[in-house]
Amino acid sequence: MNQAFRRMGYSAAKLTAHGLRTTASTLLNESGKWSPDAIERSLAHADKDTIRGTYNRGRYWDERVAMHQCWSDYLDSLRDGGKAVSLTAGEVTA
């Protein structure tokens, strides 16, 4: 991903894949809407046991799907006009 960012013209000082993970982690944790375990499971690096990591996707699945949809909606909102949405508990609005 970092190489793709460089080809798009973003320097390492401006944008990194790990920086995006940090931003997502911060906003999702501060929202209070999602369990920290579900957030970490979604953002964690791959399981060291590649077989287990390939087949064990069910932990926190429903919450993770909802969280990723919320995050996607947030990014779409930013793309479509720069208007940030609230990610606070119980409140997801555009």
C-alpha atoms as a PDB file:
ATOM      1  CA  MET A   1       0.000   0.000   0.000  1.00  0.00           C
ATOM      2  CA  ASN A   2       2.776   2.414   0.818  1.00  0.00           C
ATOM      3  CA  GLN A   3       4.256   1.971  -2.659  1.00  0.00           C
ATOM      4  CA  ALA A   4       0.850   2.722  -4.193  1.00  0.00           C
ATOM      5  CA  PHE A   5       0.657   5.904  -2.104  1.00  0.00           C
ATOM      6  CA  ARG A   6       4.124   6.944  -3.337  1.00  0.00           C
ATOM      7  CA  ARG A   7       3.083   6.361  -6.983  1.00  0.00           C
ATOM      8  CA  MET A   8       0.041   8.569  -6.351  1.00  0.00           C
ATOM      9  CA  GLY A   9       2.387  11.317  -5.201  1.00  0.00           C
ATOM     10  CA  TYR A  10       2.015  11.058  -1.417  1.00  0.00           C
ATOM     11  CA  SER A  11       5.284  11.222   0.487  1.00  0.00           C
ATOM     12  CA  ALA A  12       5.921   9.031   3.528  1.00  0.00           C
ATOM     13  CA  ALA A  13       5.666  12.179   5.635  1.00  0.00           C
ATOM     14  CA  LYS A  14       2.101  12.759   4.374  1.00  0.00           C
ATOM     15  CA  LEU A  15       0.531   9.283   4.192  1.00  0.00           C
ATOM     16  CA  THR A  16       1.330   5.726   5.249  1.00  0.00           C
ATOM     17  CA  ALA A  17      -0.761   2.581   5.559  1.00  0.00           C
ATOM     18  CA  HIS A  18       0.093   2.368   9.257  1.00  0.00           C
ATOM     19  CA  GLY A  19      -0.987   5.985   9.692  1.00  0.00           C
ATOM     20  CA  LEU A  20      -4.407   5.127   8.274  1.00  0.00           C
ATOM     21  CA  ARG A  21      -4.667   2.232  10.735  1.00  0.00           C
ATOM     22  CA  THR A  22      -3.774   4.593  13.583  1.00  0.00           C
ATOM     23  CA  THR A  23      -6.414   7.104  12.503  1.00  0.00           C
ATOM     24  CA  ALA A  24      -9.101   4.434  12.235  1.00  0.00           C
ATOM     25  CA  SER A  25      -8.155   2.928  15.594  1.00  0.00           C
ATOM     26  CA  THR A  26      -8.255   6.306  17.323  1.00  0.00           C
ATOM     27  CA  LEU A  27     -11.610   7.380  15.883  1.00  0.00           C
ATOM     28  CA  LEU A  28     -13.276   3.994  16.380  1.00  0.00           C
ATOM     29  CA  ASN A  29     -12.037   3.632  19.971  1.00  0.00           C
ATOM     30  CA  GLU A  30     -12.967   7.214  20.884  1.00  0.00           C
ATOM     31  CA  SER A  31     -16.463   6.743  19.477  1.00  0.00           C
ATOM     32  CA  GLY A  32     -17.389   4.400  22.332  1.00  0.00           C
ATOM     33  CA  LYS A  33     -19.677   2.540  19.937  1.00  0.00           C
ATOM     34  CA  TRP A  34     -17.487  -0.513  19.289  1.00  0.00           C
ATOM     35  CA  SER A  35     -15.791  -2.947  21.645  1.00  0.00           C
ATOM     36  CA  PRO A  36     -12.018  -2.523  21.750  1.00  0.00           C
ATOM     37  CA  ASP A  37     -11.640  -6.248  21.036  1.00  0.00           C
ATOM     38  CA  ALA A  38     -13.674  -5.986  17.816  1.00  0.00           C
ATOM     39  CA  ILE A  39     -11.661  -2.942  16.720  1.00  0.00           C
ATOM     40  CA  GLU A  40      -8.348  -4.647  17.384  1.00  0.00           C
ATOM     41  CA  ARG A  41      -9.465  -7.837  15.662  1.00  0.00           C
ATOM     42  CA  SER A  42     -10.357  -5.818  12.568  1.00  0.00           C
ATOM     43  CA  LEU A  43      -7.183  -3.753  12.534  1.00  0.00           C
ATOM     44  CA  ALA A  44      -4.685  -6.325  13.816  1.00  0.00           C
ATOM     45  CA  HIS A  45      -1.881  -7.636  11.717  1.00  0.00           C
ATOM     46  CA  ALA A  46      -2.354 -11.144  10.312  1.00  0.00           C
ATOM     47  CA  ASP A  47      -2.455 -14.077  12.697  1.00  0.00           C
ATOM     48  CA  LYS A  48       0.977 -15.694  13.011  1.00  0.00           C
ATOM     49  CA  ASP A  49      -0.697 -19.063  12.391  1.00  0.00           C
ATOM     50  CA  THR A  50      -1.643 -18.502   8.736  1.00  0.00           C
ATOM     51  CA  ILE A  51      -4.009 -21.485   8.604  1.00  0.00           C
ATOM     52  CA  ARG A  52      -5.891 -20.383  11.717  1.00  0.00           C
ATOM     53  CA  GLY A  53      -5.926 -16.784  10.468  1.00  0.00           C
ATOM     54  CA  THR A  54      -7.399 -17.873   7.145  1.00  0.00           C
ATOM     55  CA  TYR A  55     -10.274 -19.828   8.658  1.00  0.00           C
ATOM     56  CA  ASN A  56     -10.981 -18.015  11.945  1.00  0.00           C
ATOM     57  CA  ARG A  57     -12.919 -14.965  10.808  1.00  0.00           C
ATOM     58  CA  GLY A  58     -16.000 -15.280  12.987  1.00  0.00           C
ATOM     59  CA  ARG A  59     -14.839 -13.595  16.167  1.00  0.00           C
ATOM     60  CA  TYR A  60     -16.854 -10.398  16.666  1.00  0.00           C
ATOM     61  CA  TRP A  61     -18.082 -10.828  13.083  1.00  0.00           C
ATOM     62  CA  ASP A  62     -21.470  -9.047  13.318  1.00  0.00           C
ATOM     63  CA  GLU A  63     -20.007  -6.113  15.226  1.00  0.00           C
ATOM     64  CA  ARG A  64     -17.074  -5.894  12.811  1.00  0.00           C
ATOM     65  CA  VAL A  65     -19.393  -5.846   9.775  1.00  0.00           C
ATOM     66  CA  ALA A  66     -21.434  -3.009  11.314  1.00  0.00           C
ATOM     67  CA  MET A  67     -18.262  -1.146  12.290  1.00  0.00           C
ATOM     68  CA  HIS A  68     -16.786  -1.431   8.793  1.00  0.00           C
ATOM     69  CA  GLN A  69     -20.031  -0.208   7.246  1.00  0.00           C
ATOM     70  CA  CYS A  70     -20.019   2.777   9.603  1.00  0.00           C
ATOM     71  CA  TRP A  71     -16.379   3.500   8.711  1.00  0.00           C
ATOM     72  CA  SER A  72     -17.177   3.195   4.992  1.00  0.00           C
ATOM     73  CA  ASP A  73     -20.106   5.592   5.367  1.00  0.00           C
ATOM     74  CA  TYR A  74     -17.808   8.026   7.177  1.00  0.00           C
ATOM     75  CA  LEU A  75     -15.230   7.926   4.382  1.00  0.00           C
ATOM     76  CA  ASP A  76     -17.951   8.287   1.730  1.00  0.00           C
ATOM     77  CA  SER A  77     -19.243  11.351   3.534  1.00  0.00           C
ATOM     78  CA  LEU A  78     -15.783  12.909   3.544  1.00  0.00           C
ATOM     79  CA  ARG A  79     -15.340  12.117  -0.145  1.00  0.00           C
ATOM     80  CA  ASP A  80     -18.748  13.524  -1.073  1.00  0.00           C
ATOM     81  CA  GLY A  81     -18.295  16.944   0.420  1.00  0.00           C
ATOM     82  CA  GLY A  82     -15.850  16.964   3.241  1.00  0.00           C
ATOM     83  CA  LYS A  83     -18.551  16.904   5.891  1.00  0.00           C
ATOM     84  CA  ALA A  84     -17.431  14.702   8.775  1.00  0.00           C
ATOM     85  CA  VAL A  85     -20.007  12.508  10.465  1.00  0.00           C
ATOM     86  CA  SER A  86     -20.429  11.816  14.149  1.00  0.00           C
ATOM     87  CA  LEU A  87     -19.099   8.433  15.210  1.00  0.00           C
ATOM     88  CA  THR A  88     -20.188   8.751  18.824  1.00  0.00           C
ATOM     89  CA  ALA A  89     -22.102   5.982  20.558  1.00  0.00           C
ATOM     90  CA  GLY A  90     -25.677   5.668  19.380  1.00  0.00           C
ATOM     91  CA  GLU A  91     -25.283   8.406  16.831  1.00  0.00           C
ATOM     92  CA  VAL A  92     -24.213   7.868  13.221  1.00  0.00           C
ATOM     93  CA  THR A  93     -25.367  10.774  11.106  1.00  0.00           C
ATOM     94  CA  ALA A  94     -24.238  12.437   7.916  1.00  0.00           C
END
